N, C-alpha and C. Protein backbone atom coordinates (compact mmCIF):
# COMPACT_ATOMS: atom_id res chain seq x y z
N MET A 1 -34.47 0.54 -24.47
CA MET A 1 -33.74 1.45 -25.31
C MET A 1 -32.49 0.76 -25.84
N PRO A 2 -32.23 0.75 -27.15
CA PRO A 2 -31.12 -0.02 -27.67
C PRO A 2 -29.73 0.44 -27.28
N GLY A 3 -29.14 1.13 -26.92
CA GLY A 3 -27.80 1.51 -26.51
C GLY A 3 -27.70 1.85 -25.04
N ALA A 4 -28.76 1.54 -24.28
CA ALA A 4 -28.75 1.88 -22.86
C ALA A 4 -27.79 0.96 -22.09
N SER A 5 -27.22 1.51 -21.11
CA SER A 5 -26.29 0.75 -20.28
C SER A 5 -27.06 -0.15 -19.33
N ARG A 6 -26.52 -1.32 -19.07
CA ARG A 6 -27.17 -2.25 -18.16
C ARG A 6 -27.05 -1.79 -16.71
N THR A 7 -26.16 -0.83 -16.42
CA THR A 7 -26.00 -0.38 -15.04
C THR A 7 -27.13 0.55 -14.60
N ASN A 8 -28.03 0.91 -15.53
CA ASN A 8 -29.16 1.74 -15.16
C ASN A 8 -30.29 0.92 -14.55
N GLU A 9 -30.19 -0.39 -14.56
CA GLU A 9 -31.21 -1.24 -13.97
C GLU A 9 -31.09 -1.16 -12.46
N PRO A 10 -32.22 -1.20 -11.73
CA PRO A 10 -32.17 -1.07 -10.27
C PRO A 10 -31.34 -2.16 -9.59
N GLY A 11 -31.41 -3.39 -10.07
CA GLY A 11 -30.64 -4.48 -9.47
C GLY A 11 -29.15 -4.29 -9.65
N ALA A 12 -28.75 -3.85 -10.83
CA ALA A 12 -27.33 -3.62 -11.10
C ALA A 12 -26.79 -2.46 -10.27
N THR A 13 -27.60 -1.44 -10.08
CA THR A 13 -27.17 -0.30 -9.28
C THR A 13 -26.97 -0.71 -7.83
N ARG A 14 -27.86 -1.57 -7.33
CA ARG A 14 -27.71 -2.06 -5.96
C ARG A 14 -26.44 -2.88 -5.79
N VAL A 15 -26.16 -3.72 -6.75
CA VAL A 15 -24.95 -4.55 -6.69
C VAL A 15 -23.71 -3.67 -6.71
N LEU A 16 -23.69 -2.67 -7.58
CA LEU A 16 -22.53 -1.78 -7.66
C LEU A 16 -22.38 -0.96 -6.38
N THR A 17 -23.47 -0.58 -5.76
CA THR A 17 -23.40 0.15 -4.50
C THR A 17 -22.80 -0.74 -3.41
N VAL A 18 -23.20 -1.99 -3.37
CA VAL A 18 -22.64 -2.92 -2.39
C VAL A 18 -21.15 -3.11 -2.64
N ILE A 19 -20.77 -3.24 -3.89
CA ILE A 19 -19.34 -3.39 -4.23
C ILE A 19 -18.56 -2.16 -3.80
N ASP A 20 -19.11 -0.97 -4.06
CA ASP A 20 -18.44 0.26 -3.67
C ASP A 20 -18.30 0.36 -2.15
N LEU A 21 -19.33 -0.02 -1.41
CA LEU A 21 -19.26 0.01 0.05
C LEU A 21 -18.24 -0.99 0.57
N LEU A 22 -18.21 -2.18 -0.01
CA LEU A 22 -17.21 -3.17 0.39
C LEU A 22 -15.79 -2.70 0.09
N LEU A 23 -15.62 -2.07 -1.06
CA LEU A 23 -14.30 -1.57 -1.44
C LEU A 23 -13.84 -0.47 -0.49
N SER A 24 -14.72 0.46 -0.18
CA SER A 24 -14.33 1.55 0.71
C SER A 24 -14.08 1.04 2.13
N GLY A 25 -14.89 0.11 2.59
CA GLY A 25 -14.66 -0.47 3.92
C GLY A 25 -13.35 -1.24 3.98
N THR A 26 -13.06 -1.98 2.92
CA THR A 26 -11.82 -2.74 2.87
C THR A 26 -10.61 -1.80 2.83
N LEU A 27 -10.74 -0.70 2.11
CA LEU A 27 -9.65 0.29 2.06
C LEU A 27 -9.35 0.84 3.45
N VAL A 28 -10.38 1.19 4.19
CA VAL A 28 -10.18 1.74 5.53
C VAL A 28 -9.60 0.67 6.46
N ALA A 29 -10.12 -0.56 6.36
CA ALA A 29 -9.63 -1.65 7.21
C ALA A 29 -8.16 -1.96 6.94
N VAL A 30 -7.79 -2.03 5.67
CA VAL A 30 -6.39 -2.34 5.33
C VAL A 30 -5.48 -1.19 5.76
N ALA A 31 -5.94 0.05 5.63
CA ALA A 31 -5.14 1.20 6.07
C ALA A 31 -4.90 1.13 7.58
N LEU A 32 -5.94 0.81 8.35
CA LEU A 32 -5.79 0.71 9.80
C LEU A 32 -4.90 -0.47 10.18
N LEU A 33 -5.03 -1.58 9.47
CA LEU A 33 -4.16 -2.73 9.73
C LEU A 33 -2.71 -2.39 9.41
N THR A 34 -2.49 -1.62 8.36
CA THR A 34 -1.14 -1.21 7.99
C THR A 34 -0.51 -0.37 9.10
N LEU A 35 -1.29 0.55 9.64
CA LEU A 35 -0.78 1.40 10.71
C LEU A 35 -0.53 0.63 12.00
N GLY A 36 -1.33 -0.38 12.25
CA GLY A 36 -1.20 -1.12 13.50
C GLY A 36 -0.32 -2.34 13.46
N ALA A 37 0.22 -2.67 12.30
CA ALA A 37 1.03 -3.89 12.18
C ALA A 37 2.33 -3.74 12.95
N ARG A 38 2.68 -4.77 13.70
CA ARG A 38 3.93 -4.77 14.46
C ARG A 38 5.10 -5.27 13.61
N ASP A 39 4.82 -6.20 12.71
CA ASP A 39 5.84 -6.77 11.85
C ASP A 39 6.04 -5.85 10.65
N LEU A 40 7.28 -5.50 10.36
CA LEU A 40 7.56 -4.57 9.27
C LEU A 40 7.21 -5.16 7.91
N PHE A 41 7.48 -6.45 7.71
CA PHE A 41 7.17 -7.06 6.43
C PHE A 41 5.66 -7.08 6.19
N ALA A 42 4.89 -7.41 7.21
CA ALA A 42 3.43 -7.41 7.09
C ALA A 42 2.93 -6.00 6.79
N SER A 43 3.54 -5.02 7.40
CA SER A 43 3.16 -3.63 7.15
C SER A 43 3.41 -3.24 5.70
N VAL A 44 4.54 -3.66 5.15
CA VAL A 44 4.85 -3.35 3.75
C VAL A 44 3.88 -4.05 2.81
N VAL A 45 3.58 -5.31 3.09
CA VAL A 45 2.63 -6.05 2.25
C VAL A 45 1.25 -5.40 2.30
N LEU A 46 0.83 -4.98 3.48
CA LEU A 46 -0.46 -4.30 3.60
C LEU A 46 -0.44 -2.95 2.89
N PHE A 47 0.69 -2.26 2.92
CA PHE A 47 0.82 -0.99 2.21
C PHE A 47 0.65 -1.19 0.70
N ILE A 48 1.28 -2.23 0.17
CA ILE A 48 1.14 -2.52 -1.26
C ILE A 48 -0.29 -2.91 -1.58
N SER A 49 -0.91 -3.70 -0.72
CA SER A 49 -2.30 -4.09 -0.93
C SER A 49 -3.22 -2.88 -0.91
N ASN A 50 -2.94 -1.95 -0.03
CA ASN A 50 -3.74 -0.73 0.04
C ASN A 50 -3.60 0.07 -1.26
N GLY A 51 -2.41 0.12 -1.82
CA GLY A 51 -2.22 0.82 -3.10
C GLY A 51 -3.00 0.18 -4.23
N LEU A 52 -3.03 -1.15 -4.24
CA LEU A 52 -3.78 -1.85 -5.29
C LEU A 52 -5.29 -1.65 -5.11
N LEU A 53 -5.76 -1.68 -3.87
CA LEU A 53 -7.18 -1.42 -3.62
C LEU A 53 -7.54 0.02 -3.99
N LEU A 54 -6.64 0.94 -3.71
CA LEU A 54 -6.89 2.33 -4.07
C LEU A 54 -6.94 2.51 -5.58
N ALA A 55 -6.11 1.78 -6.31
CA ALA A 55 -6.17 1.81 -7.77
C ALA A 55 -7.52 1.29 -8.26
N LEU A 56 -8.02 0.25 -7.62
CA LEU A 56 -9.34 -0.28 -7.98
C LEU A 56 -10.43 0.75 -7.68
N ALA A 57 -10.29 1.47 -6.58
CA ALA A 57 -11.27 2.51 -6.25
C ALA A 57 -11.25 3.63 -7.29
N TRP A 58 -10.06 4.03 -7.72
CA TRP A 58 -9.97 5.06 -8.77
C TRP A 58 -10.61 4.59 -10.06
N ALA A 59 -10.43 3.32 -10.38
CA ALA A 59 -11.06 2.78 -11.58
C ALA A 59 -12.58 2.81 -11.45
N ARG A 60 -13.11 2.47 -10.27
CA ARG A 60 -14.55 2.51 -10.04
C ARG A 60 -15.09 3.94 -10.12
N LEU A 61 -14.26 4.91 -9.76
CA LEU A 61 -14.67 6.31 -9.84
C LEU A 61 -14.59 6.87 -11.26
N GLY A 62 -14.11 6.08 -12.18
CA GLY A 62 -14.06 6.51 -13.58
C GLY A 62 -12.81 7.27 -13.95
N ALA A 63 -11.72 7.03 -13.24
CA ALA A 63 -10.46 7.70 -13.54
C ALA A 63 -9.40 6.64 -13.84
N PRO A 64 -9.44 6.05 -15.03
CA PRO A 64 -8.50 4.97 -15.32
C PRO A 64 -7.05 5.43 -15.36
N ASP A 65 -6.80 6.67 -15.76
CA ASP A 65 -5.43 7.16 -15.81
C ASP A 65 -4.85 7.27 -14.40
N VAL A 66 -5.63 7.75 -13.46
CA VAL A 66 -5.17 7.85 -12.07
C VAL A 66 -5.02 6.45 -11.48
N ALA A 67 -5.91 5.54 -11.85
CA ALA A 67 -5.83 4.17 -11.36
C ALA A 67 -4.55 3.50 -11.83
N MET A 68 -4.19 3.69 -13.09
CA MET A 68 -2.96 3.10 -13.61
C MET A 68 -1.73 3.70 -12.94
N ALA A 69 -1.75 5.02 -12.72
CA ALA A 69 -0.63 5.67 -12.06
C ALA A 69 -0.50 5.18 -10.62
N GLU A 70 -1.62 5.03 -9.92
CA GLU A 70 -1.58 4.53 -8.54
C GLU A 70 -1.05 3.11 -8.49
N ALA A 71 -1.48 2.28 -9.42
CA ALA A 71 -1.01 0.89 -9.43
C ALA A 71 0.48 0.83 -9.75
N ALA A 72 0.92 1.63 -10.71
CA ALA A 72 2.33 1.59 -11.12
C ALA A 72 3.24 2.24 -10.09
N ILE A 73 2.88 3.42 -9.64
CA ILE A 73 3.75 4.17 -8.73
C ILE A 73 3.48 3.80 -7.28
N GLY A 74 2.22 3.89 -6.88
CA GLY A 74 1.88 3.69 -5.48
C GLY A 74 2.13 2.28 -5.00
N ALA A 75 1.71 1.30 -5.76
CA ALA A 75 1.88 -0.09 -5.32
C ALA A 75 3.15 -0.70 -5.91
N GLY A 76 3.46 -0.39 -7.16
CA GLY A 76 4.57 -1.03 -7.84
C GLY A 76 5.93 -0.52 -7.42
N ILE A 77 6.24 0.68 -7.83
CA ILE A 77 7.59 1.22 -7.59
C ILE A 77 7.83 1.49 -6.11
N THR A 78 6.88 2.17 -5.46
CA THR A 78 7.06 2.48 -4.05
C THR A 78 7.13 1.21 -3.22
N GLY A 79 6.26 0.25 -3.53
CA GLY A 79 6.30 -1.01 -2.80
C GLY A 79 7.62 -1.73 -2.96
N ALA A 80 8.14 -1.75 -4.17
CA ALA A 80 9.43 -2.41 -4.42
C ALA A 80 10.56 -1.69 -3.68
N LEU A 81 10.53 -0.37 -3.65
CA LEU A 81 11.57 0.38 -2.94
C LEU A 81 11.49 0.15 -1.44
N VAL A 82 10.29 0.11 -0.89
CA VAL A 82 10.15 -0.11 0.55
C VAL A 82 10.57 -1.54 0.89
N LEU A 83 10.23 -2.52 0.06
CA LEU A 83 10.69 -3.89 0.30
C LEU A 83 12.21 -3.99 0.23
N ALA A 84 12.83 -3.29 -0.71
CA ALA A 84 14.29 -3.30 -0.82
C ALA A 84 14.92 -2.64 0.41
N ALA A 85 14.33 -1.56 0.88
CA ALA A 85 14.85 -0.89 2.08
C ALA A 85 14.71 -1.80 3.30
N LEU A 86 13.60 -2.50 3.40
CA LEU A 86 13.40 -3.44 4.50
C LEU A 86 14.43 -4.56 4.45
N ARG A 87 14.70 -5.09 3.27
CA ARG A 87 15.68 -6.16 3.12
C ARG A 87 17.08 -5.67 3.53
N ARG A 88 17.43 -4.45 3.12
CA ARG A 88 18.74 -3.92 3.48
C ARG A 88 18.84 -3.66 4.98
N MET A 89 17.73 -3.22 5.57
CA MET A 89 17.73 -2.96 7.00
C MET A 89 17.89 -4.27 7.77
N GLN A 90 17.22 -5.32 7.31
CA GLN A 90 17.35 -6.62 7.98
C GLN A 90 18.75 -7.19 7.78
N ALA A 91 19.34 -6.98 6.62
CA ALA A 91 20.71 -7.45 6.39
C ALA A 91 21.69 -6.70 7.29
N PHE A 92 21.46 -5.41 7.49
CA PHE A 92 22.32 -4.61 8.36
C PHE A 92 22.22 -5.11 9.80
N ARG A 93 21.00 -5.40 10.23
CA ARG A 93 20.81 -5.91 11.59
C ARG A 93 21.39 -7.31 11.73
N GLY A 94 21.33 -8.11 10.67
CA GLY A 94 21.84 -9.48 10.70
C GLY A 94 23.34 -9.55 10.85
N HIS A 95 24.06 -8.53 10.42
CA HIS A 95 25.52 -8.51 10.52
C HIS A 95 25.97 -7.96 11.86
N GLY A 96 25.05 -7.78 12.78
CA GLY A 96 25.41 -7.28 14.11
C GLY A 96 25.73 -5.80 14.09
N GLY A 97 25.34 -5.12 13.06
CA GLY A 97 25.64 -3.71 12.95
C GLY A 97 24.74 -2.88 13.83
N ALA A 98 25.35 -2.19 14.72
CA ALA A 98 24.60 -1.22 15.53
C ALA A 98 24.71 0.12 14.84
N SER A 99 23.82 0.99 15.17
CA SER A 99 23.88 2.30 14.53
C SER A 99 25.16 3.00 14.96
N PRO A 100 25.79 3.73 14.05
CA PRO A 100 27.06 4.40 14.39
C PRO A 100 26.81 5.51 15.40
N PRO A 101 27.84 5.86 16.17
CA PRO A 101 27.67 6.93 17.16
C PRO A 101 27.26 8.23 16.47
N ALA A 102 26.46 9.01 17.15
CA ALA A 102 25.95 10.24 16.57
C ALA A 102 27.05 11.26 16.32
N SER A 103 28.11 11.25 17.15
CA SER A 103 29.17 12.23 16.98
C SER A 103 30.12 11.86 15.86
N GLY A 104 30.09 10.61 15.42
CA GLY A 104 30.99 10.18 14.35
C GLY A 104 32.32 9.72 14.88
N ARG A 105 32.51 9.77 16.21
CA ARG A 105 33.77 9.35 16.82
C ARG A 105 33.62 7.93 17.36
N ASP A 106 34.74 7.29 17.53
CA ASP A 106 34.76 5.97 18.15
C ASP A 106 34.80 6.17 19.65
N ASP A 107 33.79 5.69 20.37
CA ASP A 107 33.71 5.87 21.81
C ASP A 107 34.27 4.69 22.57
N SER A 108 35.27 4.01 22.02
CA SER A 108 35.82 2.83 22.67
C SER A 108 36.81 3.17 23.77
N GLY A 109 37.17 4.41 23.93
CA GLY A 109 38.09 4.80 24.99
C GLY A 109 39.51 4.98 24.51
N SER A 110 39.86 4.51 23.34
CA SER A 110 41.23 4.68 22.85
C SER A 110 41.37 6.05 22.20
N ARG A 111 42.49 6.72 22.54
CA ARG A 111 42.70 8.07 21.99
C ARG A 111 44.02 8.16 21.30
């Protein structure tokens, strides 16, 4: 048929099914690795990777607008904000800063 899609062929359908299964398995694996990571930087990198894989999954599902939004917001902006927060947190720890007392008072004994 002259305008038929090549994805209707049995071989192409099998390949796409394998790709979809690999994508979904990778998404679950990266999500579990993100939750189990001990290093904060590795966790952030895995979080960004998960957002990019999720954008690819949305594209495979035929929702390019959602895929673009996930890539821009989920992986891009959110990832950059979490990396910036991690950098500030490490800088705070590097200056020997301990968390301030919960009461807001100086507990050094001087009155």
